[in-house]
């Protein structure tokens, strides 16, 4: 079959397959601080490394959410590594909570200070990338029309790795148990594929 995204047959394909085709994707679990120092933690499935010299990462939000607004104002964020042990907590932080809710507390997480940036990292994780804002890109489509999506690019200025995750001079990906995002409600962890439903603030 073939279809144009704007004209998808919603009877045949009620759920957009785009995210399932571009998969698996790492999850950018982004911690940031508001101007008055309130922490925010949210996962983004449009996330990846984009270059190595200097090391840079990006995540994309479908609107000006708290993460983007915080980073726009403070210029800093942390990308927390999502290992399988944090699956449920990560999912809880995806909830559509009102502005000002502390997702660390909501998900029963603790945080610990970063070395070079103000936003904290999730306590107990395998790794974290401390980032300073390099660029915010307001995405446009092929016709040059502004979309609602916003891409945040950060330069990695510091790397935290749990000492237990270093084996023979390498970051032990198997021990870290990386969790990735697939399409629909699908994820992939060390034990294989599974479904997970995003929580809703209104129940």
N, C-alpha and C. Protein backbone atom coordinates (compact mmCIF):
# COMPACT_ATOMS: atom_id res chain seq x y z
N UNK A 1 0.84 -1.19 0.00
CA UNK A 1 0.00 0.00 0.00
C UNK A 1 0.87 1.25 0.00
N UNK A 2 0.27 2.35 -0.32
CA UNK A 2 0.94 3.65 -0.29
C UNK A 2 -0.09 4.68 0.15
N UNK A 3 0.37 5.65 0.95
CA UNK A 3 -0.54 6.74 1.32
C UNK A 3 0.26 8.00 1.59
N UNK A 4 -0.39 9.13 1.47
CA UNK A 4 0.19 10.41 1.87
C UNK A 4 -0.27 10.68 3.30
N UNK A 5 0.65 11.11 4.18
CA UNK A 5 0.31 11.24 5.60
C UNK A 5 -0.98 12.01 5.88
N UNK A 6 -1.22 13.06 5.14
CA UNK A 6 -2.42 13.87 5.40
C UNK A 6 -3.70 13.19 4.93
N UNK A 7 -3.55 12.15 4.10
CA UNK A 7 -4.73 11.48 3.53
C UNK A 7 -4.78 10.00 3.88
N UNK A 8 -4.30 9.64 5.06
CA UNK A 8 -4.29 8.24 5.47
C UNK A 8 -5.72 7.70 5.59
N UNK A 9 -5.94 6.49 5.13
CA UNK A 9 -7.24 5.84 5.28
C UNK A 9 -7.39 5.43 6.75
N UNK A 10 -8.18 6.18 7.49
CA UNK A 10 -8.30 5.95 8.93
C UNK A 10 -9.17 4.75 9.28
N UNK A 11 -9.87 4.19 8.32
CA UNK A 11 -10.57 2.94 8.56
C UNK A 11 -9.58 1.77 8.49
N UNK A 12 -8.68 1.84 7.49
CA UNK A 12 -7.69 0.79 7.32
C UNK A 12 -6.55 0.93 8.34
N UNK A 13 -6.14 2.18 8.59
CA UNK A 13 -5.05 2.46 9.53
C UNK A 13 -5.53 3.50 10.55
N UNK A 14 -6.31 3.09 11.54
CA UNK A 14 -6.83 4.05 12.52
C UNK A 14 -5.73 4.70 13.36
N UNK A 15 -4.60 4.02 13.50
CA UNK A 15 -3.47 4.56 14.27
C UNK A 15 -2.30 4.81 13.32
N UNK A 16 -1.72 5.98 13.43
CA UNK A 16 -0.64 6.39 12.53
C UNK A 16 0.57 5.47 12.67
N UNK A 17 1.02 4.80 11.59
CA UNK A 17 2.15 3.87 11.69
C UNK A 17 3.52 4.55 11.66
N UNK A 18 3.57 5.86 11.47
CA UNK A 18 4.85 6.56 11.32
C UNK A 18 5.82 6.24 12.45
N UNK A 19 5.37 6.37 13.69
CA UNK A 19 6.27 6.15 14.82
C UNK A 19 6.70 4.70 14.95
N UNK A 20 5.86 3.78 14.45
CA UNK A 20 6.23 2.36 14.50
C UNK A 20 7.26 2.02 13.43
N UNK A 21 7.26 2.77 12.34
CA UNK A 21 8.22 2.53 11.26
C UNK A 21 9.59 3.08 11.66
N UNK A 22 9.60 4.28 12.24
CA UNK A 22 10.86 4.89 12.69
C UNK A 22 11.09 4.44 14.14
N UNK A 23 11.59 3.24 14.30
CA UNK A 23 11.73 2.63 15.63
C UNK A 23 12.79 1.53 15.58
N UNK A 24 13.40 1.21 16.72
CA UNK A 24 13.17 1.78 18.04
C UNK A 24 13.86 3.13 18.20
N UNK A 25 13.36 3.90 19.15
CA UNK A 25 13.94 5.20 19.44
C UNK A 25 14.32 5.28 20.92
N UNK A 26 15.50 5.81 21.24
CA UNK A 26 15.81 6.03 22.65
C UNK A 26 14.86 7.06 23.24
N UNK A 27 14.71 7.03 24.54
CA UNK A 27 13.82 7.97 25.22
C UNK A 27 14.67 9.03 25.90
N UNK A 28 14.39 10.28 25.58
CA UNK A 28 15.06 11.38 26.26
C UNK A 28 14.26 11.75 27.50
N UNK A 29 14.78 11.36 28.66
CA UNK A 29 14.09 11.67 29.93
C UNK A 29 14.71 12.95 30.45
N UNK A 30 14.03 14.06 30.19
CA UNK A 30 14.61 15.39 30.34
C UNK A 30 14.24 16.01 31.67
N UNK A 31 15.26 16.35 32.46
CA UNK A 31 15.03 17.11 33.69
C UNK A 31 15.48 18.54 33.47
N UNK A 32 14.67 19.45 34.00
CA UNK A 32 14.95 20.88 33.85
C UNK A 32 14.45 21.59 35.10
N UNK A 33 14.78 22.86 35.19
CA UNK A 33 14.33 23.69 36.31
C UNK A 33 13.62 24.92 35.78
N UNK A 34 12.56 25.31 36.46
CA UNK A 34 11.91 26.58 36.14
C UNK A 34 12.80 27.72 36.64
N UNK A 35 12.44 28.94 36.29
CA UNK A 35 13.25 30.09 36.72
C UNK A 35 13.29 30.21 38.24
N UNK A 36 12.23 29.75 38.90
CA UNK A 36 12.22 29.83 40.36
C UNK A 36 12.68 28.54 41.02
N UNK A 37 13.32 27.66 40.24
CA UNK A 37 13.98 26.50 40.79
C UNK A 37 13.14 25.26 40.98
N UNK A 38 11.91 25.22 40.43
CA UNK A 38 11.07 24.04 40.56
C UNK A 38 11.47 23.00 39.52
N UNK A 39 11.70 21.74 39.93
CA UNK A 39 12.14 20.71 38.98
C UNK A 39 11.01 20.18 38.11
N UNK A 40 11.36 19.79 36.91
CA UNK A 40 10.43 19.18 35.96
C UNK A 40 11.13 17.98 35.34
N UNK A 41 10.36 16.91 35.10
CA UNK A 41 10.92 15.70 34.52
C UNK A 41 9.92 15.13 33.54
N UNK A 42 10.33 14.93 32.28
CA UNK A 42 9.40 14.45 31.26
C UNK A 42 10.14 13.63 30.21
N UNK A 43 9.51 12.56 29.71
CA UNK A 43 10.13 11.75 28.66
C UNK A 43 9.72 12.21 27.26
N UNK A 44 10.67 12.12 26.33
CA UNK A 44 10.42 12.47 24.93
C UNK A 44 10.90 11.34 24.04
N UNK A 45 10.01 10.83 23.19
CA UNK A 45 10.39 9.70 22.33
C UNK A 45 11.02 10.16 21.02
N UNK A 46 10.91 11.45 20.71
CA UNK A 46 11.69 11.98 19.59
C UNK A 46 12.95 12.58 20.18
N UNK A 47 13.98 11.72 20.28
CA UNK A 47 15.23 12.08 20.95
C UNK A 47 16.36 11.28 20.34
N UNK A 48 17.53 11.91 20.24
CA UNK A 48 18.71 11.17 19.78
C UNK A 48 19.96 12.02 19.90
N UNK A 49 21.12 11.35 19.76
CA UNK A 49 22.38 12.05 19.59
C UNK A 49 22.47 12.52 18.14
N UNK A 50 23.05 13.68 17.92
CA UNK A 50 23.11 14.20 16.55
C UNK A 50 24.53 14.46 16.06
N UNK A 51 25.50 14.56 16.94
CA UNK A 51 26.90 14.66 16.50
C UNK A 51 27.80 14.37 17.70
N UNK A 52 29.10 14.18 17.40
CA UNK A 52 30.03 13.76 18.44
C UNK A 52 31.08 14.81 18.80
N UNK A 53 31.30 15.80 17.95
CA UNK A 53 32.36 16.77 18.20
C UNK A 53 31.86 18.19 17.92
N UNK A 54 31.32 18.87 18.93
CA UNK A 54 31.14 18.41 20.31
C UNK A 54 29.95 17.47 20.40
N UNK A 55 29.87 16.68 21.47
CA UNK A 55 28.71 15.80 21.62
C UNK A 55 27.44 16.62 21.81
N UNK A 56 26.42 16.30 21.01
CA UNK A 56 25.17 17.04 21.08
C UNK A 56 24.00 16.08 20.98
N UNK A 57 22.91 16.44 21.65
CA UNK A 57 21.68 15.65 21.59
C UNK A 57 20.53 16.59 21.25
N UNK A 58 19.43 15.99 20.80
CA UNK A 58 18.22 16.77 20.54
C UNK A 58 17.01 16.03 21.05
N UNK A 59 15.99 16.80 21.41
CA UNK A 59 14.67 16.22 21.62
C UNK A 59 13.66 17.17 21.01
N UNK A 60 12.52 16.62 20.65
CA UNK A 60 11.50 17.43 19.99
C UNK A 60 10.19 17.30 20.74
N UNK A 61 9.57 18.45 21.01
CA UNK A 61 8.29 18.50 21.69
C UNK A 61 7.22 18.95 20.71
N UNK A 62 6.00 18.43 20.89
CA UNK A 62 4.93 18.80 19.96
C UNK A 62 4.28 20.14 20.30
N UNK A 63 4.80 20.81 21.36
CA UNK A 63 4.31 22.14 21.73
C UNK A 63 5.28 22.74 22.75
N UNK A 64 5.01 23.95 23.17
CA UNK A 64 5.85 24.63 24.16
C UNK A 64 5.49 24.11 25.55
N UNK A 65 5.93 22.90 25.87
CA UNK A 65 5.66 22.31 27.17
C UNK A 65 6.65 22.84 28.20
N UNK A 66 6.48 22.42 29.46
CA UNK A 66 7.32 22.95 30.53
C UNK A 66 8.80 22.75 30.27
N UNK A 67 9.18 21.57 29.73
CA UNK A 67 10.60 21.31 29.48
C UNK A 67 11.18 22.38 28.55
N UNK A 68 10.49 22.64 27.46
CA UNK A 68 10.98 23.62 26.49
C UNK A 68 11.01 25.01 27.10
N UNK A 69 9.95 25.38 27.79
CA UNK A 69 9.88 26.71 28.40
C UNK A 69 10.99 26.90 29.42
N UNK A 70 11.23 25.88 30.24
CA UNK A 70 12.29 25.97 31.24
C UNK A 70 13.66 26.13 30.59
N UNK A 71 13.93 25.31 29.58
CA UNK A 71 15.24 25.35 28.92
C UNK A 71 15.43 26.66 28.18
N UNK A 72 14.37 27.15 27.59
CA UNK A 72 14.44 28.43 26.88
C UNK A 72 14.88 29.54 27.84
N UNK A 73 14.41 29.46 29.07
CA UNK A 73 14.70 30.52 30.05
C UNK A 73 16.03 30.32 30.77
N UNK A 74 16.38 29.05 31.07
CA UNK A 74 17.57 28.80 31.90
C UNK A 74 18.78 28.34 31.10
N UNK A 75 18.55 27.75 29.91
CA UNK A 75 19.65 27.32 29.06
C UNK A 75 20.32 26.02 29.47
N UNK A 76 19.66 25.22 30.33
CA UNK A 76 20.28 23.98 30.79
C UNK A 76 19.25 22.87 30.92
N UNK A 77 19.73 21.62 30.75
CA UNK A 77 18.88 20.46 31.01
C UNK A 77 19.76 19.23 31.18
N UNK A 78 19.14 18.15 31.65
CA UNK A 78 19.84 16.87 31.81
C UNK A 78 19.04 15.80 31.09
N UNK A 79 19.74 14.96 30.33
CA UNK A 79 19.13 13.80 29.71
C UNK A 79 19.45 12.59 30.57
N UNK A 80 18.42 12.01 31.17
CA UNK A 80 18.58 10.87 32.06
C UNK A 80 18.40 9.57 31.29
N UNK A 81 19.30 8.63 31.50
CA UNK A 81 19.25 7.33 30.81
C UNK A 81 18.06 6.53 31.34
N UNK A 82 17.22 6.03 30.45
CA UNK A 82 16.06 5.25 30.87
C UNK A 82 16.39 3.77 30.79
N UNK A 83 16.72 3.18 31.93
CA UNK A 83 16.92 1.75 32.02
C UNK A 83 15.62 1.06 32.36
N UNK A 84 15.57 -0.24 32.15
CA UNK A 84 14.33 -0.99 32.36
C UNK A 84 13.82 -0.88 33.78
N UNK A 85 14.71 -0.70 34.75
CA UNK A 85 14.29 -0.60 36.15
C UNK A 85 13.44 0.65 36.40
N UNK A 86 13.51 1.61 35.49
CA UNK A 86 12.78 2.86 35.65
C UNK A 86 11.57 2.96 34.72
N UNK A 87 11.16 1.83 34.17
CA UNK A 87 10.07 1.84 33.20
C UNK A 87 8.81 2.48 33.75
N UNK A 88 8.33 2.01 34.88
CA UNK A 88 7.08 2.53 35.44
C UNK A 88 7.20 3.99 35.85
N UNK A 89 8.33 4.35 36.44
CA UNK A 89 8.54 5.74 36.85
C UNK A 89 8.58 6.67 35.65
N UNK A 90 9.29 6.23 34.59
CA UNK A 90 9.34 7.05 33.38
C UNK A 90 7.94 7.26 32.82
N UNK A 91 7.16 6.19 32.79
CA UNK A 91 5.80 6.30 32.26
C UNK A 91 4.96 7.26 33.11
N UNK A 92 5.11 7.21 34.41
CA UNK A 92 4.36 8.11 35.29
C UNK A 92 4.70 9.57 35.00
N UNK A 93 5.96 9.84 34.66
CA UNK A 93 6.35 11.23 34.39
C UNK A 93 5.85 11.73 33.03
N UNK A 94 5.24 10.83 32.25
CA UNK A 94 4.65 11.26 30.97
C UNK A 94 3.24 11.81 31.15
N UNK A 95 2.73 11.77 32.37
CA UNK A 95 1.36 12.21 32.65
C UNK A 95 1.18 13.69 32.31
N UNK A 96 0.00 14.03 31.86
CA UNK A 96 -0.30 15.42 31.48
C UNK A 96 -0.64 16.25 32.71
N UNK A 97 0.34 16.36 33.59
CA UNK A 97 0.15 17.07 34.85
C UNK A 97 0.06 18.58 34.63
N UNK A 98 -0.66 19.27 35.50
CA UNK A 98 -0.72 20.73 35.40
C UNK A 98 0.65 21.36 35.62
N UNK A 99 0.79 22.58 35.15
CA UNK A 99 2.03 23.33 35.32
C UNK A 99 2.38 23.43 36.80
N UNK A 100 3.63 23.18 37.12
CA UNK A 100 4.10 23.32 38.48
C UNK A 100 4.15 22.04 39.28
N UNK A 101 3.57 20.95 38.75
CA UNK A 101 3.62 19.66 39.45
C UNK A 101 5.04 19.10 39.38
N UNK A 102 5.53 18.59 40.49
CA UNK A 102 6.87 18.02 40.55
C UNK A 102 6.79 16.54 40.17
N UNK A 103 7.23 16.20 38.96
CA UNK A 103 7.13 14.83 38.47
C UNK A 103 8.06 13.87 39.21
N UNK A 104 9.14 14.38 39.78
CA UNK A 104 10.00 13.52 40.60
C UNK A 104 9.18 12.95 41.76
N UNK A 105 8.48 13.83 42.47
CA UNK A 105 7.66 13.40 43.61
C UNK A 105 6.50 12.53 43.15
N UNK A 106 5.87 12.91 42.05
CA UNK A 106 4.72 12.17 41.55
C UNK A 106 5.08 10.72 41.24
N UNK A 107 6.28 10.51 40.69
CA UNK A 107 6.72 9.16 40.31
C UNK A 107 7.49 8.44 41.42
N UNK A 108 7.59 9.06 42.59
CA UNK A 108 8.31 8.44 43.70
C UNK A 108 9.81 8.38 43.49
N UNK A 109 10.33 9.35 42.75
CA UNK A 109 11.76 9.39 42.43
C UNK A 109 12.49 10.37 43.33
N UNK A 110 13.76 10.09 43.55
CA UNK A 110 14.65 11.04 44.21
C UNK A 110 15.55 11.65 43.14
N UNK A 111 16.12 12.79 43.45
CA UNK A 111 17.08 13.36 42.51
C UNK A 111 18.37 13.71 43.25
N UNK A 112 19.43 13.85 42.47
CA UNK A 112 20.72 14.21 43.04
C UNK A 112 21.35 15.27 42.16
N UNK A 113 22.24 16.08 42.72
CA UNK A 113 22.76 17.22 41.97
C UNK A 113 23.65 16.82 40.80
N UNK A 114 23.57 17.61 39.76
CA UNK A 114 24.48 17.47 38.63
C UNK A 114 25.80 18.15 38.99
N UNK A 115 26.79 18.01 38.12
CA UNK A 115 28.10 18.58 38.38
C UNK A 115 28.26 19.98 37.79
N UNK A 116 27.76 20.17 36.55
CA UNK A 116 28.04 21.42 35.84
C UNK A 116 26.80 22.23 35.52
N UNK A 117 25.63 21.66 35.66
CA UNK A 117 24.39 22.38 35.36
C UNK A 117 23.47 22.32 36.57
N UNK A 118 22.51 23.23 36.63
CA UNK A 118 21.63 23.33 37.79
C UNK A 118 20.58 22.23 37.87
N UNK A 119 19.96 21.81 36.75
CA UNK A 119 18.95 20.76 36.86
C UNK A 119 19.54 19.47 37.42
N UNK A 120 18.81 18.79 38.30
CA UNK A 120 19.32 17.55 38.89
C UNK A 120 19.11 16.36 37.96
N UNK A 121 19.78 15.27 38.25
CA UNK A 121 19.53 14.01 37.55
C UNK A 121 18.69 13.11 38.43
N UNK A 122 18.10 12.10 37.82
CA UNK A 122 17.34 11.10 38.56
C UNK A 122 18.32 10.25 39.37
N UNK A 123 18.05 10.10 40.65
CA UNK A 123 18.94 9.31 41.50
C UNK A 123 18.85 7.83 41.13
N UNK A 124 20.02 7.18 41.04
CA UNK A 124 20.07 5.75 40.82
C UNK A 124 20.13 5.30 39.38
N UNK A 125 20.14 6.26 38.44
CA UNK A 125 20.17 5.87 37.03
C UNK A 125 21.58 5.47 36.60
N UNK A 126 21.65 4.80 35.44
CA UNK A 126 22.93 4.31 34.93
C UNK A 126 23.81 5.41 34.38
N UNK A 127 23.19 6.43 33.79
CA UNK A 127 23.98 7.50 33.16
C UNK A 127 23.11 8.74 32.98
N UNK A 128 23.78 9.86 32.82
CA UNK A 128 23.08 11.12 32.56
C UNK A 128 24.00 12.04 31.77
N UNK A 129 23.40 12.81 30.88
CA UNK A 129 24.14 13.78 30.07
C UNK A 129 23.73 15.18 30.50
N UNK A 130 24.68 15.93 31.01
CA UNK A 130 24.42 17.31 31.41
C UNK A 130 24.58 18.21 30.19
N UNK A 131 23.56 18.98 29.89
CA UNK A 131 23.53 19.72 28.63
C UNK A 131 23.31 21.22 28.83
N UNK A 132 23.94 21.99 27.96
CA UNK A 132 23.65 23.42 27.86
C UNK A 132 23.01 23.67 26.50
N UNK A 133 22.05 24.55 26.49
CA UNK A 133 21.29 24.84 25.28
C UNK A 133 22.18 25.38 24.18
N UNK A 134 22.10 24.75 23.02
CA UNK A 134 22.82 25.23 21.83
C UNK A 134 21.87 25.96 20.88
N UNK A 135 20.67 25.41 20.73
CA UNK A 135 19.74 25.97 19.74
C UNK A 135 18.33 25.47 19.99
N UNK A 136 17.37 26.34 19.78
CA UNK A 136 15.96 25.94 19.75
C UNK A 136 15.45 26.22 18.34
N UNK A 137 14.89 25.20 17.72
CA UNK A 137 14.45 25.30 16.33
C UNK A 137 12.93 25.18 16.28
N UNK A 138 12.28 26.22 15.82
CA UNK A 138 10.83 26.19 15.60
C UNK A 138 10.64 25.52 14.24
N UNK A 139 10.16 24.28 14.22
CA UNK A 139 10.13 23.50 12.99
C UNK A 139 9.10 24.02 11.99
N UNK A 140 9.50 23.99 10.72
CA UNK A 140 8.61 24.34 9.62
C UNK A 140 8.48 23.14 8.70
N UNK A 141 7.39 23.10 7.92
CA UNK A 141 7.20 21.98 7.00
C UNK A 141 7.86 22.28 5.66
N UNK A 142 7.66 21.39 4.68
CA UNK A 142 8.32 21.52 3.38
C UNK A 142 7.89 22.78 2.63
N UNK A 143 6.75 23.33 3.00
CA UNK A 143 6.28 24.57 2.36
C UNK A 143 6.74 25.81 3.11
N UNK A 144 7.47 25.59 4.21
CA UNK A 144 7.96 26.71 5.00
C UNK A 144 6.97 27.21 6.03
N UNK A 145 5.88 26.48 6.22
CA UNK A 145 4.87 26.90 7.20
C UNK A 145 5.26 26.41 8.59
N UNK A 146 5.08 27.25 9.57
CA UNK A 146 5.40 26.93 10.95
C UNK A 146 4.53 25.79 11.47
N UNK A 147 5.16 24.83 12.13
CA UNK A 147 4.41 23.76 12.79
C UNK A 147 4.38 24.05 14.29
N UNK A 148 3.69 23.21 15.05
CA UNK A 148 3.64 23.38 16.50
C UNK A 148 4.87 22.78 17.18
N UNK A 149 5.66 21.99 16.45
CA UNK A 149 6.76 21.24 17.06
C UNK A 149 8.01 22.11 17.25
N UNK A 150 8.71 21.82 18.34
CA UNK A 150 9.90 22.59 18.72
C UNK A 150 11.03 21.62 19.03
N UNK A 151 12.18 21.81 18.38
CA UNK A 151 13.34 20.96 18.61
C UNK A 151 14.35 21.69 19.47
N UNK A 152 14.79 21.04 20.52
CA UNK A 152 15.79 21.59 21.43
C UNK A 152 17.10 20.83 21.22
N UNK A 153 18.16 21.55 20.96
CA UNK A 153 19.48 20.95 20.76
C UNK A 153 20.38 21.39 21.90
N UNK A 154 21.01 20.42 22.53
CA UNK A 154 21.90 20.73 23.64
C UNK A 154 23.29 20.17 23.43
N UNK A 155 24.29 20.93 23.88
CA UNK A 155 25.66 20.42 23.90
C UNK A 155 25.91 19.70 25.21
N UNK A 156 26.42 18.48 25.13
CA UNK A 156 26.72 17.71 26.33
C UNK A 156 28.02 18.24 26.93
N UNK A 157 27.92 18.83 28.11
CA UNK A 157 29.09 19.42 28.76
C UNK A 157 29.60 18.56 29.91
N UNK A 158 28.81 17.55 30.30
CA UNK A 158 29.22 16.66 31.37
C UNK A 158 28.53 15.32 31.25
N UNK A 159 29.22 14.25 31.57
CA UNK A 159 28.67 12.90 31.47
C UNK A 159 28.82 12.20 32.82
N UNK A 160 27.69 11.77 33.36
CA UNK A 160 27.70 10.96 34.59
C UNK A 160 27.46 9.51 34.22
N UNK A 161 28.26 8.59 34.77
CA UNK A 161 28.04 7.15 34.61
C UNK A 161 28.18 6.50 35.98
N UNK A 162 27.20 5.69 36.34
CA UNK A 162 27.30 4.88 37.54
C UNK A 162 28.52 3.97 37.39
N UNK A 163 29.41 3.97 38.36
CA UNK A 163 30.63 3.17 38.27
C UNK A 163 30.35 1.70 37.99
N UNK A 164 29.20 1.20 38.48
CA UNK A 164 28.86 -0.21 38.27
C UNK A 164 28.55 -0.53 36.82
N UNK A 165 28.32 0.52 36.02
CA UNK A 165 27.99 0.32 34.61
C UNK A 165 29.22 0.37 33.70
N UNK A 166 30.40 0.49 34.27
CA UNK A 166 31.63 0.51 33.47
C UNK A 166 32.30 -0.84 33.56
N UNK A 167 32.42 -1.52 32.41
CA UNK A 167 33.04 -2.84 32.35
C UNK A 167 34.12 -2.84 31.27
N UNK A 168 35.33 -3.12 31.67
CA UNK A 168 36.47 -3.17 30.74
C UNK A 168 36.58 -1.89 29.92
N UNK A 169 36.37 -0.78 30.60
CA UNK A 169 36.54 0.52 29.97
C UNK A 169 35.39 0.96 29.08
N UNK A 170 34.25 0.24 29.12
CA UNK A 170 33.10 0.58 28.29
C UNK A 170 31.84 0.72 29.13
N UNK A 171 30.90 1.52 28.63
CA UNK A 171 29.59 1.59 29.24
C UNK A 171 28.85 0.31 28.91
N UNK A 172 28.43 -0.43 29.93
CA UNK A 172 27.82 -1.74 29.74
C UNK A 172 26.34 -1.59 29.43
N UNK A 173 26.00 -1.57 28.16
CA UNK A 173 24.62 -1.36 27.73
C UNK A 173 23.71 -2.48 28.21
N UNK A 174 24.23 -3.70 28.22
CA UNK A 174 23.42 -4.84 28.66
C UNK A 174 23.06 -4.70 30.13
N UNK A 175 24.02 -4.32 30.94
CA UNK A 175 23.76 -4.15 32.37
C UNK A 175 22.82 -2.98 32.63
N UNK A 176 22.93 -1.94 31.82
CA UNK A 176 22.07 -0.76 31.99
C UNK A 176 20.62 -1.04 31.61
N UNK A 177 20.41 -2.03 30.73
CA UNK A 177 19.06 -2.44 30.40
C UNK A 177 18.25 -1.39 29.68
N UNK A 178 18.74 -0.93 28.56
CA UNK A 178 18.13 0.18 27.84
C UNK A 178 16.67 -0.08 27.46
N UNK A 179 15.83 0.92 27.65
CA UNK A 179 14.43 0.88 27.25
C UNK A 179 14.24 1.77 26.03
N UNK A 180 13.56 1.28 25.00
CA UNK A 180 13.33 2.07 23.80
C UNK A 180 11.84 2.17 23.48
N UNK A 181 11.51 3.19 22.71
CA UNK A 181 10.12 3.47 22.35
C UNK A 181 9.87 2.97 20.94
N UNK A 182 8.76 2.28 20.78
CA UNK A 182 8.32 1.84 19.47
C UNK A 182 7.07 2.66 19.13
N UNK A 183 6.23 2.19 18.24
CA UNK A 183 5.03 2.93 17.91
C UNK A 183 3.88 2.57 18.83
N UNK A 184 2.78 3.31 18.67
CA UNK A 184 1.55 3.01 19.40
C UNK A 184 1.82 3.01 20.91
N UNK A 185 1.48 1.92 21.61
CA UNK A 185 1.75 1.80 23.04
C UNK A 185 2.94 0.88 23.31
N UNK A 186 3.74 0.63 22.30
CA UNK A 186 4.77 -0.42 22.36
C UNK A 186 6.13 0.11 22.79
N UNK A 187 6.80 -0.71 23.58
CA UNK A 187 8.15 -0.44 24.05
C UNK A 187 8.97 -1.71 23.87
N UNK A 188 10.30 -1.56 23.96
CA UNK A 188 11.19 -2.72 23.96
C UNK A 188 12.22 -2.56 25.05
N UNK A 189 12.32 -3.58 25.89
CA UNK A 189 13.32 -3.62 26.94
C UNK A 189 14.13 -4.89 26.84
N UNK A 190 14.96 -5.18 27.82
CA UNK A 190 15.81 -6.38 27.78
C UNK A 190 15.01 -7.68 27.65
N UNK A 191 13.76 -7.68 28.12
CA UNK A 191 12.95 -8.90 28.07
C UNK A 191 12.10 -8.98 26.81
N UNK A 192 12.20 -8.00 25.93
CA UNK A 192 11.43 -8.03 24.69
C UNK A 192 10.39 -6.93 24.61
N UNK A 193 9.38 -7.13 23.76
CA UNK A 193 8.36 -6.12 23.50
C UNK A 193 7.26 -6.18 24.56
N UNK A 194 6.68 -5.02 24.86
CA UNK A 194 5.53 -4.97 25.74
C UNK A 194 4.76 -3.67 25.49
N UNK A 195 3.53 -3.64 25.97
CA UNK A 195 2.69 -2.46 25.85
C UNK A 195 2.60 -1.74 27.20
N UNK A 196 2.46 -0.42 27.13
CA UNK A 196 2.30 0.36 28.35
C UNK A 196 1.40 1.55 28.03
N UNK A 197 0.40 1.77 28.87
CA UNK A 197 -0.53 2.85 28.64
C UNK A 197 -0.09 4.09 29.42
N UNK A 198 -0.09 5.21 28.74
CA UNK A 198 0.30 6.47 29.37
C UNK A 198 -0.77 6.90 30.37
N UNK A 199 -0.38 7.30 31.59
CA UNK A 199 -1.38 7.72 32.57
C UNK A 199 -2.03 9.04 32.18
N UNK A 200 -3.24 9.24 32.69
CA UNK A 200 -3.99 10.46 32.40
C UNK A 200 -4.27 11.17 33.72
N UNK A 201 -3.95 12.47 33.76
CA UNK A 201 -4.10 13.24 34.99
C UNK A 201 -5.53 13.24 35.51
N UNK A 202 -6.48 13.23 34.57
CA UNK A 202 -7.90 13.29 34.95
C UNK A 202 -8.48 11.89 35.19
N UNK A 203 -7.60 10.88 35.18
CA UNK A 203 -8.04 9.53 35.46
C UNK A 203 -8.62 8.84 34.26
